[in-house]
Amino acid sequence: MIRRYGEPVRSDQVYRRRPGVYAVLLQGDDILTTLQADPEPEFQLPGGGIDPGEHPIAALHREVIEETGWKIAIISRIGAFRRFTYMPEYDFWADKLCTVYLARPVRRLGPPSEAGHSAVWMPVAQAVTALGNEGDRAMLARALA
């Protein structure tokens, strides 16, 4: 059974399954996060949706580059969780199946290419509370355990 975080499931709402992959990117006592500006500024684990036909690991590399500008090396799978949430950028309600990997930043390629995202390094101790969703915070705690 996969743990669910976030707002309760609404019985009157139709949800679209949205698989995604995300990374806990540790370097020493710091973590590389992405700050998504809209609809409200929020610190997140870098990552996102897997495109149809795309391998999850390829999607993770693509998403991290788009959101942070960094090339990564994947170490291991941490776990997975589900979130039921509205995605304003796509205008639909999603059943997000989020798989999270531990990885390390290897090389900065440049600034994030995805509009509205900024790469932000922060102390891990700060990220434990600063990450914007409960699932991200739980996966970071699991990675640190």
C-alpha atoms as a PDB file:
ATOM      1  CA  MET A   1       0.000   0.000   0.000  1.00  0.00           C
ATOM      2  CA  ILE A   2       1.298   3.431  -0.947  1.00  0.00           C
ATOM      3  CA  ARG A   3       0.971   6.197   1.652  1.00  0.00           C
ATOM      4  CA  ARG A   4      -1.234   9.156   0.754  1.00  0.00           C
ATOM      5  CA  TYR A   5      -0.417  12.735   1.733  1.00  0.00           C
ATOM      6  CA  GLY A   6      -2.195  16.030   1.271  1.00  0.00           C
ATOM      7  CA  GLU A   7      -5.808  16.995   0.968  1.00  0.00           C
ATOM      8  CA  PRO A   8      -8.531  14.357   1.337  1.00  0.00           C
ATOM      9  CA  VAL A   9      -9.941  12.632  -1.722  1.00  0.00           C
ATOM     10  CA  ARG A  10     -13.195  14.263  -2.839  1.00  0.00           C
ATOM     11  CA  SER A  11     -15.905  11.776  -3.804  1.00  0.00           C
ATOM     12  CA  ASP A  12     -17.518  14.349  -6.133  1.00  0.00           C
ATOM     13  CA  GLN A  13     -14.278  14.879  -8.093  1.00  0.00           C
ATOM     14  CA  VAL A  14     -12.849  12.920 -11.031  1.00  0.00           C
ATOM     15  CA  TYR A  15      -9.067  12.514 -10.794  1.00  0.00           C
ATOM     16  CA  ARG A  16      -6.639  11.808 -13.622  1.00  0.00           C
ATOM     17  CA  ARG A  17      -3.712   9.498 -12.752  1.00  0.00           C
ATOM     18  CA  ARG A  18      -0.444  11.428 -13.073  1.00  0.00           C
ATOM     19  CA  PRO A  19       2.724   9.359 -12.481  1.00  0.00           C
ATOM     20  CA  GLY A  20       5.812  11.378 -11.687  1.00  0.00           C
ATOM     21  CA  VAL A  21       9.394  11.053 -10.476  1.00  0.00           C
ATOM     22  CA  TYR A  22      11.258  13.284  -8.036  1.00  0.00           C
ATOM     23  CA  ALA A  23      14.737  13.519  -6.516  1.00  0.00           C
ATOM     24  CA  VAL A  24      16.201  14.209  -3.100  1.00  0.00           C
ATOM     25  CA  LEU A  25      19.467  15.874  -4.188  1.00  0.00           C
ATOM     26  CA  LEU A  26      21.869  15.944  -1.256  1.00  0.00           C
ATOM     27  CA  GLN A  27      25.333  17.445  -1.162  1.00  0.00           C
ATOM     28  CA  GLY A  28      26.883  17.543   2.294  1.00  0.00           C
ATOM     29  CA  ASP A  29      24.422  19.224   4.656  1.00  0.00           C
ATOM     30  CA  ASP A  30      22.538  20.916   1.801  1.00  0.00           C
ATOM     31  CA  ILE A  31      19.767  19.923  -0.590  1.00  0.00           C
ATOM     32  CA  LEU A  32      19.029  21.233  -4.075  1.00  0.00           C
ATOM     33  CA  THR A  33      15.361  22.178  -4.369  1.00  0.00           C
ATOM     34  CA  THR A  34      13.300  23.948  -6.968  1.00  0.00           C
ATOM     35  CA  LEU A  35      11.252  27.036  -6.168  1.00  0.00           C
ATOM     36  CA  GLN A  36       8.102  27.003  -8.299  1.00  0.00           C
ATOM     37  CA  ALA A  37       6.772  30.556  -8.507  1.00  0.00           C
ATOM     38  CA  ASP A  38       3.147  29.911  -9.541  1.00  0.00           C
ATOM     39  CA  PRO A  39       0.390  29.637  -8.508  1.00  0.00           C
ATOM     40  CA  GLU A  40       1.981  30.335  -5.094  1.00  0.00           C
ATOM     41  CA  PRO A  41       5.741  30.258  -4.417  1.00  0.00           C
ATOM     42  CA  GLU A  42       6.632  26.778  -3.139  1.00  0.00           C
ATOM     43  CA  PHE A  43       9.840  24.856  -2.512  1.00  0.00           C
ATOM     44  CA  GLN A  44       9.652  21.362  -4.010  1.00  0.00           C
ATOM     45  CA  LEU A  45      11.750  18.309  -4.684  1.00  0.00           C
ATOM     46  CA  PRO A  46      12.811  18.639  -8.339  1.00  0.00           C
ATOM     47  CA  GLY A  47      10.935  16.361 -10.705  1.00  0.00           C
ATOM     48  CA  GLY A  48       7.616  16.002 -12.438  1.00  0.00           C
ATOM     49  CA  GLY A  49       5.392  14.039 -14.727  1.00  0.00           C
ATOM     50  CA  ILE A  50       6.425  11.095 -16.835  1.00  0.00           C
ATOM     51  CA  ASP A  51       5.452  11.628 -20.483  1.00  0.00           C
ATOM     52  CA  PRO A  52       3.608   8.803 -22.295  1.00  0.00           C
ATOM     53  CA  GLY A  53       6.157   6.216 -23.453  1.00  0.00           C
ATOM     54  CA  GLU A  54       8.968   7.804 -21.437  1.00  0.00           C
ATOM     55  CA  HIS A  55      11.063   5.682 -19.060  1.00  0.00           C
ATOM     56  CA  PRO A  56      10.775   6.973 -15.468  1.00  0.00           C
ATOM     57  CA  ILE A  57      14.563   7.359 -15.048  1.00  0.00           C
ATOM     58  CA  ALA A  58      14.817   9.344 -18.305  1.00  0.00           C
ATOM     59  CA  ALA A  59      11.918  11.501 -17.077  1.00  0.00           C
ATOM     60  CA  LEU A  60      13.726  12.168 -13.795  1.00  0.00           C
ATOM     61  CA  HIS A  61      16.894  13.301 -15.555  1.00  0.00           C
ATOM     62  CA  ARG A  62      14.866  15.530 -17.922  1.00  0.00           C
ATOM     63  CA  GLU A  63      12.741  17.064 -15.161  1.00  0.00           C
ATOM     64  CA  VAL A  64      15.691  17.814 -12.859  1.00  0.00           C
ATOM     65  CA  ILE A  65      17.557  19.544 -15.680  1.00  0.00           C
ATOM     66  CA  GLU A  66      14.441  21.546 -16.619  1.00  0.00           C
ATOM     67  CA  GLU A  67      13.740  22.627 -13.029  1.00  0.00           C
ATOM     68  CA  THR A  68      17.272  23.116 -11.657  1.00  0.00           C
ATOM     69  CA  GLY A  69      19.743  23.130 -14.560  1.00  0.00           C
ATOM     70  CA  TRP A  70      21.723  20.293 -12.914  1.00  0.00           C
ATOM     71  CA  LYS A  71      22.808  16.897 -14.231  1.00  0.00           C
ATOM     72  CA  ILE A  72      22.392  14.163 -11.597  1.00  0.00           C
ATOM     73  CA  ALA A  73      23.500  10.645 -10.688  1.00  0.00           C
ATOM     74  CA  ILE A  74      20.801   8.419  -9.215  1.00  0.00           C
ATOM     75  CA  ILE A  75      21.762   6.426  -6.131  1.00  0.00           C
ATOM     76  CA  SER A  76      18.630   4.538  -5.070  1.00  0.00           C
ATOM     77  CA  ARG A  77      14.839   4.554  -4.873  1.00  0.00           C
ATOM     78  CA  ILE A  78      13.556   6.011  -1.594  1.00  0.00           C
ATOM     79  CA  GLY A  79       9.857   5.264  -1.953  1.00  0.00           C
ATOM     80  CA  ALA A  80       6.567   6.450  -3.376  1.00  0.00           C
ATOM     81  CA  PHE A  81       3.474   8.318  -2.241  1.00  0.00           C
ATOM     82  CA  ARG A  82       0.172   9.569  -3.649  1.00  0.00           C
ATOM     83  CA  ARG A  83      -1.295  13.079  -3.623  1.00  0.00           C
ATOM     84  CA  PHE A  84      -4.756  14.072  -4.787  1.00  0.00           C
ATOM     85  CA  THR A  85      -4.580  17.693  -5.863  1.00  0.00           C
ATOM     86  CA  TYR A  86      -5.657  20.280  -8.399  1.00  0.00           C
ATOM     87  CA  MET A  87      -2.975  21.074 -11.000  1.00  0.00           C
ATOM     88  CA  PRO A  88      -3.719  24.611 -12.233  1.00  0.00           C
ATOM     89  CA  GLU A  89      -1.009  24.480 -14.926  1.00  0.00           C
ATOM     90  CA  TYR A  90      -2.955  21.644 -16.598  1.00  0.00           C
ATOM     91  CA  ASP A  91      -6.457  22.586 -15.355  1.00  0.00           C
ATOM     92  CA  PHE A  92      -7.318  19.150 -13.964  1.00  0.00           C
ATOM     93  CA  TRP A  93      -7.523  17.261 -10.690  1.00  0.00           C
ATOM     94  CA  ALA A  94      -4.765  14.687 -10.386  1.00  0.00           C
ATOM     95  CA  ASP A  95      -4.099  11.462  -8.539  1.00  0.00           C
ATOM     96  CA  LYS A  96      -0.332  11.980  -8.456  1.00  0.00           C
ATOM     97  CA  LEU A  97       1.715   8.816  -8.000  1.00  0.00           C
ATOM     98  CA  CYS A  98       5.090  10.222  -6.924  1.00  0.00           C
ATOM     99  CA  THR A  99       8.175   7.978  -6.962  1.00  0.00           C
ATOM    100  CA  VAL A 100      11.184   9.518  -5.219  1.00  0.00           C
ATOM    101  CA  TYR A 101      14.869   8.731  -5.709  1.00  0.00           C
ATOM    102  CA  LEU A 102      17.985   9.656  -3.772  1.00  0.00           C
ATOM    103  CA  ALA A 103      20.479  11.245  -6.147  1.00  0.00           C
ATOM    104  CA  ARG A 104      23.443  13.554  -6.126  1.00  0.00           C
ATOM    105  CA  PRO A 105      23.990  16.667  -8.199  1.00  0.00           C
ATOM    106  CA  VAL A 106      26.896  16.084 -10.604  1.00  0.00           C
ATOM    107  CA  ARG A 107      27.288  19.210 -12.721  1.00  0.00           C
ATOM    108  CA  ARG A 108      25.468  22.476 -13.240  1.00  0.00           C
ATOM    109  CA  LEU A 109      24.593  22.788 -16.934  1.00  0.00           C
ATOM    110  CA  GLY A 110      23.021  26.245 -16.671  1.00  0.00           C
ATOM    111  CA  PRO A 111      19.901  27.908 -15.313  1.00  0.00           C
ATOM    112  CA  PRO A 112      16.573  26.044 -15.193  1.00  0.00           C
ATOM    113  CA  SER A 113      14.898  25.923 -18.613  1.00  0.00           C
ATOM    114  CA  GLU A 114      11.367  25.596 -17.241  1.00  0.00           C
ATOM    115  CA  ALA A 115       9.683  28.978 -16.785  1.00  0.00           C
ATOM    116  CA  GLY A 116       8.801  29.879 -13.215  1.00  0.00           C
ATOM    117  CA  HIS A 117      11.386  27.569 -11.604  1.00  0.00           C
ATOM    118  CA  SER A 118      14.557  28.513  -9.727  1.00  0.00           C
ATOM    119  CA  ALA A 119      17.237  26.206  -8.359  1.00  0.00           C
ATOM    120  CA  VAL A 120      17.666  26.842  -4.626  1.00  0.00           C
ATOM    121  CA  TRP A 121      20.257  25.270  -2.344  1.00  0.00           C
ATOM    122  CA  MET A 122      19.246  25.197   1.307  1.00  0.00           C
ATOM    123  CA  PRO A 123      20.373  23.476   4.487  1.00  0.00           C
ATOM    124  CA  VAL A 124      18.690  20.096   4.901  1.00  0.00           C
ATOM    125  CA  ALA A 125      17.510  21.155   8.379  1.00  0.00           C
ATOM    126  CA  GLN A 126      15.583  24.038   6.768  1.00  0.00           C
ATOM    127  CA  ALA A 127      14.192  21.910   3.921  1.00  0.00           C
ATOM    128  CA  VAL A 128      12.577  19.462   6.348  1.00  0.00           C
ATOM    129  CA  THR A 129      10.001  22.188   7.059  1.00  0.00           C
ATOM    130  CA  ALA A 130      10.327  24.440   3.973  1.00  0.00           C
ATOM    131  CA  LEU A 131       9.293  21.884   1.338  1.00  0.00           C
ATOM    132  CA  GLY A 132       5.751  22.721   0.301  1.00  0.00           C
ATOM    133  CA  ASN A 133       4.053  19.357   0.503  1.00  0.00           C
ATOM    134  CA  GLU A 134       3.894  16.714   3.198  1.00  0.00           C
ATOM    135  CA  GLY A 135       4.925  13.898   0.847  1.00  0.00           C
ATOM    136  CA  ASP A 136       8.163  15.668  -0.152  1.00  0.00           C
ATOM    137  CA  ARG A 137       8.952  16.303   3.523  1.00  0.00           C
ATOM    138  CA  ALA A 138       8.297  12.637   4.394  1.00  0.00           C
ATOM    139  CA  MET A 139      10.539  11.373   1.579  1.00  0.00           C
ATOM    140  CA  LEU A 140      13.342  13.720   2.658  1.00  0.00           C
ATOM    141  CA  ALA A 141      13.011  12.457   6.227  1.00  0.00           C
ATOM    142  CA  ARG A 142      13.158   8.864   4.961  1.00  0.00           C
ATOM    143  CA  ALA A 143      16.303   9.660   2.932  1.00  0.00           C
ATOM    144  CA  LEU A 144      17.947  11.136   6.029  1.00  0.00           C
ATOM    145  CA  ALA A 145      17.010   8.223   8.331  1.00  0.00           C
END
